[in-house]
């Protein structure tokens, strides 16, 4: 069972999904779980099956004290790079969560998955935890929101550009996806900087 808290107090989990794909935005989740929250299915979203991820999303959105989801587009990723885009998505997710906090509630700490974070204008203490989505429930919950919301987005734009197979590959660089890019070119949803790197001819 994942730990509910790192130090105690009001701790918000932050995590992202979609750093590696050739197409689509990067998404991030922010979650403040209530005291005593438990669900044995909750884990790093990558370790969960799709059914449990979506079932947990409903639980999280219903039972969390507050939650938020942030999105950074492919064009923004090309402009500022994926690392900065991931941090921006987390900050946007937290901004949405902050609007949903009970009046007068103050967040003590951000729990961020990974080994780096750039808080921007956020003046809140934060802790980076490597593989935090497999250790701390608030981060795992954030990963579930980020993953499922991004998957929903990719399934939706698959209907617009079905040739790339996004319903199956969610924008990741599978062989079929790369072959489709070579055959049909790039869509407006592709990350140009990623595609240049992944599809560059081998020397």
C-alpha atoms as a PDB file:
ATOM      1  CA  UNK A   1       0.000   0.000   0.000  1.00  0.00           C
ATOM      2  CA  UNK A   2       1.304   3.445  -0.924  1.00  0.00           C
ATOM      3  CA  UNK A   3       2.045   6.019   1.754  1.00  0.00           C
ATOM      4  CA  UNK A   4      -0.558   8.770   1.995  1.00  0.00           C
ATOM      5  CA  UNK A   5       1.874  11.422   3.181  1.00  0.00           C
ATOM      6  CA  UNK A   6       5.583  12.229   3.212  1.00  0.00           C
ATOM      7  CA  UNK A   7       5.874  14.637   6.144  1.00  0.00           C
ATOM      8  CA  UNK A   8       2.267  15.216   7.140  1.00  0.00           C
ATOM      9  CA  UNK A   9       0.183  18.314   6.615  1.00  0.00           C
ATOM     10  CA  UNK A  10      -1.506  19.345   3.387  1.00  0.00           C
ATOM     11  CA  UNK A  11       0.540  17.762   0.591  1.00  0.00           C
ATOM     12  CA  UNK A  12      -0.376  17.884  -3.094  1.00  0.00           C
ATOM     13  CA  UNK A  13       0.920  15.212  -5.477  1.00  0.00           C
ATOM     14  CA  UNK A  14       2.117  16.226  -8.966  1.00  0.00           C
ATOM     15  CA  UNK A  15       2.944  13.975 -11.907  1.00  0.00           C
ATOM     16  CA  UNK A  16       2.953  14.121 -15.701  1.00  0.00           C
ATOM     17  CA  UNK A  17       2.163  11.794 -18.587  1.00  0.00           C
ATOM     18  CA  UNK A  18       3.302  11.916 -22.178  1.00  0.00           C
ATOM     19  CA  UNK A  19       6.941  12.983 -22.204  1.00  0.00           C
ATOM     20  CA  UNK A  20       7.981  10.454 -24.828  1.00  0.00           C
ATOM     21  CA  UNK A  21       5.372  10.527 -27.646  1.00  0.00           C
ATOM     22  CA  UNK A  22       5.867  12.007 -31.102  1.00  0.00           C
ATOM     23  CA  UNK A  23       2.431  13.635 -30.990  1.00  0.00           C
ATOM     24  CA  UNK A  24      -0.012  15.252 -28.618  1.00  0.00           C
ATOM     25  CA  UNK A  25       0.335  17.374 -25.490  1.00  0.00           C
ATOM     26  CA  UNK A  26       2.011  16.515 -22.226  1.00  0.00           C
ATOM     27  CA  UNK A  27      -0.519  16.341 -19.391  1.00  0.00           C
ATOM     28  CA  UNK A  28      -0.048  16.663 -15.635  1.00  0.00           C
ATOM     29  CA  UNK A  29      -2.226  15.923 -12.648  1.00  0.00           C
ATOM     30  CA  UNK A  30      -2.362  17.545  -9.218  1.00  0.00           C
ATOM     31  CA  UNK A  31      -4.198  15.841  -6.355  1.00  0.00           C
ATOM     32  CA  UNK A  32      -4.879  16.558  -2.703  1.00  0.00           C
ATOM     33  CA  UNK A  33      -6.251  13.388  -1.121  1.00  0.00           C
ATOM     34  CA  UNK A  34      -8.337  13.383   2.058  1.00  0.00           C
ATOM     35  CA  UNK A  35      -6.954  11.994   5.336  1.00  0.00           C
ATOM     36  CA  UNK A  36      -7.368   8.230   5.533  1.00  0.00           C
ATOM     37  CA  UNK A  37      -7.787   7.729   1.805  1.00  0.00           C
ATOM     38  CA  UNK A  38      -7.114   4.126   0.764  1.00  0.00           C
ATOM     39  CA  UNK A  39      -7.623   2.154  -2.405  1.00  0.00           C
ATOM     40  CA  UNK A  40      -5.639  -1.018  -3.008  1.00  0.00           C
ATOM     41  CA  UNK A  41      -5.790  -0.533  -6.787  1.00  0.00           C
ATOM     42  CA  UNK A  42      -3.887   2.751  -6.666  1.00  0.00           C
ATOM     43  CA  UNK A  43      -0.352   2.548  -8.041  1.00  0.00           C
ATOM     44  CA  UNK A  44       1.914   4.136 -10.622  1.00  0.00           C
ATOM     45  CA  UNK A  45      -0.534   4.505 -13.520  1.00  0.00           C
ATOM     46  CA  UNK A  46       1.878   2.716 -15.871  1.00  0.00           C
ATOM     47  CA  UNK A  47       1.614  -0.379 -13.667  1.00  0.00           C
ATOM     48  CA  UNK A  48      -2.211  -0.368 -13.673  1.00  0.00           C
ATOM     49  CA  UNK A  49      -4.502  -1.823 -16.306  1.00  0.00           C
ATOM     50  CA  UNK A  50      -6.747   0.515 -18.259  1.00  0.00           C
ATOM     51  CA  UNK A  51      -9.947  -0.537 -16.473  1.00  0.00           C
ATOM     52  CA  UNK A  52      -8.486   0.217 -13.033  1.00  0.00           C
ATOM     53  CA  UNK A  53      -7.025   3.535 -14.195  1.00  0.00           C
ATOM     54  CA  UNK A  54     -10.393   4.818 -15.348  1.00  0.00           C
ATOM     55  CA  UNK A  55     -12.190   3.427 -12.303  1.00  0.00           C
ATOM     56  CA  UNK A  56      -9.665   5.144 -10.030  1.00  0.00           C
ATOM     57  CA  UNK A  57     -10.040   8.410 -11.910  1.00  0.00           C
ATOM     58  CA  UNK A  58     -13.706   8.484 -10.948  1.00  0.00           C
ATOM     59  CA  UNK A  59     -12.830   7.727  -7.323  1.00  0.00           C
ATOM     60  CA  UNK A  60     -10.117  10.398  -7.228  1.00  0.00           C
ATOM     61  CA  UNK A  61     -12.262  13.088  -8.803  1.00  0.00           C
ATOM     62  CA  UNK A  62     -15.116  12.262  -6.426  1.00  0.00           C
ATOM     63  CA  UNK A  63     -13.182  11.878  -3.169  1.00  0.00           C
ATOM     64  CA  UNK A  64     -10.165  14.179  -3.478  1.00  0.00           C
ATOM     65  CA  UNK A  65     -10.237  17.390  -1.484  1.00  0.00           C
ATOM     66  CA  UNK A  66      -9.175  19.082  -4.728  1.00  0.00           C
ATOM     67  CA  UNK A  67      -7.633  18.056  -8.032  1.00  0.00           C
ATOM     68  CA  UNK A  68      -6.506  19.607 -11.308  1.00  0.00           C
ATOM     69  CA  UNK A  69      -5.217  18.667 -14.749  1.00  0.00           C
ATOM     70  CA  UNK A  70      -2.807  20.745 -16.820  1.00  0.00           C
ATOM     71  CA  UNK A  71      -2.003  20.454 -20.518  1.00  0.00           C
ATOM     72  CA  UNK A  72       0.850  21.821 -22.648  1.00  0.00           C
ATOM     73  CA  UNK A  73       0.453  21.550 -26.413  1.00  0.00           C
ATOM     74  CA  UNK A  74       2.823  20.074 -28.966  1.00  0.00           C
ATOM     75  CA  UNK A  75       3.575  23.578 -30.280  1.00  0.00           C
ATOM     76  CA  UNK A  76       4.560  24.715 -26.782  1.00  0.00           C
ATOM     77  CA  UNK A  77       6.738  21.627 -26.372  1.00  0.00           C
ATOM     78  CA  UNK A  78       8.571  22.515 -29.585  1.00  0.00           C
ATOM     79  CA  UNK A  79       9.056  26.055 -28.300  1.00  0.00           C
ATOM     80  CA  UNK A  80      10.284  25.409 -24.755  1.00  0.00           C
ATOM     81  CA  UNK A  81      11.363  21.689 -24.807  1.00  0.00           C
ATOM     82  CA  UNK A  82       9.683  18.746 -23.122  1.00  0.00           C
ATOM     83  CA  UNK A  83      11.291  19.172 -19.705  1.00  0.00           C
ATOM     84  CA  UNK A  84      10.090  22.753 -19.354  1.00  0.00           C
ATOM     85  CA  UNK A  85       6.732  21.752 -20.813  1.00  0.00           C
ATOM     86  CA  UNK A  86       6.352  19.057 -18.150  1.00  0.00           C
ATOM     87  CA  UNK A  87       6.997  21.604 -15.409  1.00  0.00           C
ATOM     88  CA  UNK A  88       4.545  24.029 -17.018  1.00  0.00           C
ATOM     89  CA  UNK A  89       1.865  21.336 -17.189  1.00  0.00           C
ATOM     90  CA  UNK A  90       2.373  20.614 -13.476  1.00  0.00           C
ATOM     91  CA  UNK A  91       2.072  24.292 -12.615  1.00  0.00           C
ATOM     92  CA  UNK A  92      -1.129  24.538 -14.650  1.00  0.00           C
ATOM     93  CA  UNK A  93      -2.523  21.452 -12.927  1.00  0.00           C
ATOM     94  CA  UNK A  94      -1.751  22.963  -9.540  1.00  0.00           C
ATOM     95  CA  UNK A  95      -3.352  26.277 -10.539  1.00  0.00           C
ATOM     96  CA  UNK A  96      -6.563  24.430 -11.367  1.00  0.00           C
ATOM     97  CA  UNK A  97      -6.412  22.528  -8.080  1.00  0.00           C
ATOM     98  CA  UNK A  98      -5.824  25.758  -6.158  1.00  0.00           C
ATOM     99  CA  UNK A  99      -9.066  27.189  -7.519  1.00  0.00           C
ATOM    100  CA  UNK A 100     -10.916  24.181  -6.075  1.00  0.00           C
ATOM    101  CA  UNK A 101      -9.419  24.242  -2.592  1.00  0.00           C
ATOM    102  CA  UNK A 102     -11.789  24.863   0.301  1.00  0.00           C
ATOM    103  CA  UNK A 103     -11.757  28.500   1.324  1.00  0.00           C
ATOM    104  CA  UNK A 104      -8.855  29.323   3.619  1.00  0.00           C
ATOM    105  CA  UNK A 105      -6.981  26.059   3.008  1.00  0.00           C
ATOM    106  CA  UNK A 106      -3.248  26.463   2.445  1.00  0.00           C
ATOM    107  CA  UNK A 107      -1.003  23.856   0.824  1.00  0.00           C
ATOM    108  CA  UNK A 108       2.063  22.980   2.896  1.00  0.00           C
ATOM    109  CA  UNK A 109       4.086  21.106   0.289  1.00  0.00           C
ATOM    110  CA  UNK A 110       4.139  19.829  -3.296  1.00  0.00           C
ATOM    111  CA  UNK A 111       5.220  16.219  -3.824  1.00  0.00           C
ATOM    112  CA  UNK A 112       6.685  16.028  -7.320  1.00  0.00           C
ATOM    113  CA  UNK A 113       7.455  12.824  -9.170  1.00  0.00           C
ATOM    114  CA  UNK A 114      11.009  12.756 -10.508  1.00  0.00           C
ATOM    115  CA  UNK A 115      14.277  14.424  -9.601  1.00  0.00           C
ATOM    116  CA  UNK A 116      13.682  17.993 -10.801  1.00  0.00           C
ATOM    117  CA  UNK A 117      11.044  20.698 -10.716  1.00  0.00           C
ATOM    118  CA  UNK A 118      10.868  24.374 -11.588  1.00  0.00           C
ATOM    119  CA  UNK A 119       8.147  26.033  -9.531  1.00  0.00           C
ATOM    120  CA  UNK A 120       8.067  29.249 -11.545  1.00  0.00           C
ATOM    121  CA  UNK A 121       6.097  31.795  -9.537  1.00  0.00           C
ATOM    122  CA  UNK A 122       4.778  29.207  -7.069  1.00  0.00           C
ATOM    123  CA  UNK A 123       5.947  30.061  -3.569  1.00  0.00           C
ATOM    124  CA  UNK A 124       5.327  26.672  -1.985  1.00  0.00           C
ATOM    125  CA  UNK A 125       7.892  24.221  -0.599  1.00  0.00           C
ATOM    126  CA  UNK A 126       8.310  21.141  -2.770  1.00  0.00           C
ATOM    127  CA  UNK A 127       9.985  17.762  -2.608  1.00  0.00           C
ATOM    128  CA  UNK A 128      11.079  15.746  -5.653  1.00  0.00           C
ATOM    129  CA  UNK A 129      10.728  11.986  -5.221  1.00  0.00           C
ATOM    130  CA  UNK A 130      12.231   9.603  -7.769  1.00  0.00           C
ATOM    131  CA  UNK A 131       9.625   6.967  -8.666  1.00  0.00           C
ATOM    132  CA  UNK A 132       7.273   8.816  -6.361  1.00  0.00           C
ATOM    133  CA  UNK A 133       4.245   7.501  -8.260  1.00  0.00           C
ATOM    134  CA  UNK A 134       5.059   4.027  -6.884  1.00  0.00           C
ATOM    135  CA  UNK A 135       5.645   5.291  -3.323  1.00  0.00           C
ATOM    136  CA  UNK A 136       3.152   8.035  -2.483  1.00  0.00           C
ATOM    137  CA  UNK A 137      -0.598   7.931  -3.021  1.00  0.00           C
ATOM    138  CA  UNK A 138      -1.011  11.641  -3.926  1.00  0.00           C
ATOM    139  CA  UNK A 139       1.576  11.324  -6.713  1.00  0.00           C
ATOM    140  CA  UNK A 140       0.080   8.043  -7.941  1.00  0.00           C
ATOM    141  CA  UNK A 141      -3.356   9.673  -8.022  1.00  0.00           C
ATOM    142  CA  UNK A 142      -1.923  12.573 -10.030  1.00  0.00           C
ATOM    143  CA  UNK A 143      -0.373  10.100 -12.467  1.00  0.00           C
ATOM    144  CA  UNK A 144      -3.761   8.426 -12.962  1.00  0.00           C
ATOM    145  CA  UNK A 145      -5.421  11.730 -13.842  1.00  0.00           C
ATOM    146  CA  UNK A 146      -2.613  12.732 -16.187  1.00  0.00           C
ATOM    147  CA  UNK A 147      -2.484   9.372 -17.970  1.00  0.00           C
ATOM    148  CA  UNK A 148      -6.232   8.917 -18.458  1.00  0.00           C
ATOM    149  CA  UNK A 149      -6.835  12.507 -19.545  1.00  0.00           C
ATOM    150  CA  UNK A 150      -4.020  12.282 -22.076  1.00  0.00           C
ATOM    151  CA  UNK A 151      -5.293   8.955 -23.392  1.00  0.00           C
ATOM    152  CA  UNK A 152      -8.755  10.480 -23.817  1.00  0.00           C
ATOM    153  CA  UNK A 153      -7.245  13.360 -25.771  1.00  0.00           C
ATOM    154  CA  UNK A 154      -5.315  11.063 -28.113  1.00  0.00           C
ATOM    155  CA  UNK A 155      -8.363   8.875 -28.733  1.00  0.00           C
ATOM    156  CA  UNK A 156     -10.369  11.993 -29.564  1.00  0.00           C
ATOM    157  CA  UNK A 157      -7.865  13.342 -32.113  1.00  0.00           C
ATOM    158  CA  UNK A 158      -7.462   9.845 -33.589  1.00  0.00           C
ATOM    159  CA  UNK A 159     -10.870  10.426 -35.186  1.00  0.00           C
ATOM    160  CA  UNK A 160      -9.427  13.490 -36.924  1.00  0.00           C
ATOM    161  CA  UNK A 161      -6.222  11.781 -38.090  1.00  0.00           C
ATOM    162  CA  UNK A 162      -6.835   8.000 -38.031  1.00  0.00           C
ATOM    163  CA  UNK A 163      -3.861   7.183 -40.280  1.00  0.00           C
ATOM    164  CA  UNK A 164      -1.422   7.517 -37.358  1.00  0.00           C
ATOM    165  CA  UNK A 165      -3.132   4.925 -35.155  1.00  0.00           C
ATOM    166  CA  UNK A 166      -3.248   7.143 -32.067  1.00  0.00           C
ATOM    167  CA  UNK A 167      -6.131   5.159 -30.630  1.00  0.00           C
ATOM    168  CA  UNK A 168      -3.678   2.288 -30.231  1.00  0.00           C
ATOM    169  CA  UNK A 169      -0.271   3.935 -29.771  1.00  0.00           C
ATOM    170  CA  UNK A 170      -1.382   7.152 -28.001  1.00  0.00           C
ATOM    171  CA  UNK A 171       1.239   9.051 -30.006  1.00  0.00           C
ATOM    172  CA  UNK A 172       4.242   6.992 -28.937  1.00  0.00           C
ATOM    173  CA  UNK A 173       6.860   6.178 -31.599  1.00  0.00           C
ATOM    174  CA  UNK A 174       5.745   2.675 -32.548  1.00  0.00           C
ATOM    175  CA  UNK A 175       6.878   1.327 -35.898  1.00  0.00           C
ATOM    176  CA  UNK A 176       3.395   1.800 -37.361  1.00  0.00           C
ATOM    177  CA  UNK A 177       3.275   5.405 -36.166  1.00  0.00           C
ATOM    178  CA  UNK A 178       6.707   6.220 -37.563  1.00  0.00           C
ATOM    179  CA  UNK A 179       5.824   4.573 -40.883  1.00  0.00           C
ATOM    180  CA  UNK A 180       2.632   6.649 -41.067  1.00  0.00           C
ATOM    181  CA  UNK A 181       4.603   9.845 -40.510  1.00  0.00           C
ATOM    182  CA  UNK A 182       6.983   8.900 -43.306  1.00  0.00           C
ATOM    183  CA  UNK A 183       4.059   8.191 -45.604  1.00  0.00           C
ATOM    184  CA  UNK A 184       1.639  11.008 -44.733  1.00  0.00           C
ATOM    185  CA  UNK A 185       3.868  13.644 -43.167  1.00  0.00           C
ATOM    186  CA  UNK A 186       3.221  15.478 -39.915  1.00  0.00           C
ATOM    187  CA  UNK A 187      -0.122  16.519 -38.490  1.00  0.00           C
ATOM    188  CA  UNK A 188      -0.684  19.760 -36.542  1.00  0.00           C
ATOM    189  CA  UNK A 189      -0.552  17.622 -33.379  1.00  0.00           C
ATOM    190  CA  UNK A 190       2.963  16.283 -33.947  1.00  0.00           C
ATOM    191  CA  UNK A 191       5.956  17.533 -31.990  1.00  0.00           C
ATOM    192  CA  UNK A 192       8.223  18.651 -34.796  1.00  0.00           C
ATOM    193  CA  UNK A 193      11.383  18.585 -32.691  1.00  0.00           C
ATOM    194  CA  UNK A 194      10.670  15.010 -31.592  1.00  0.00           C
ATOM    195  CA  UNK A 195       9.896  13.800 -35.087  1.00  0.00           C
ATOM    196  CA  UNK A 196      13.130  15.255 -36.453  1.00  0.00           C
ATOM    197  CA  UNK A 197      15.096  13.335 -33.852  1.00  0.00           C
ATOM    198  CA  UNK A 198      13.245  10.029 -34.058  1.00  0.00           C
ATOM    199  CA  UNK A 199      12.918   9.974 -37.846  1.00  0.00           C
ATOM    200  CA  UNK A 200      16.356  11.270 -38.801  1.00  0.00           C
ATOM    201  CA  UNK A 201      18.107   8.868 -41.191  1.00  0.00           C
ATOM    202  CA  UNK A 202      20.790   6.760 -39.596  1.00  0.00           C
ATOM    203  CA  UNK A 203      24.359   7.589 -40.612  1.00  0.00           C
END
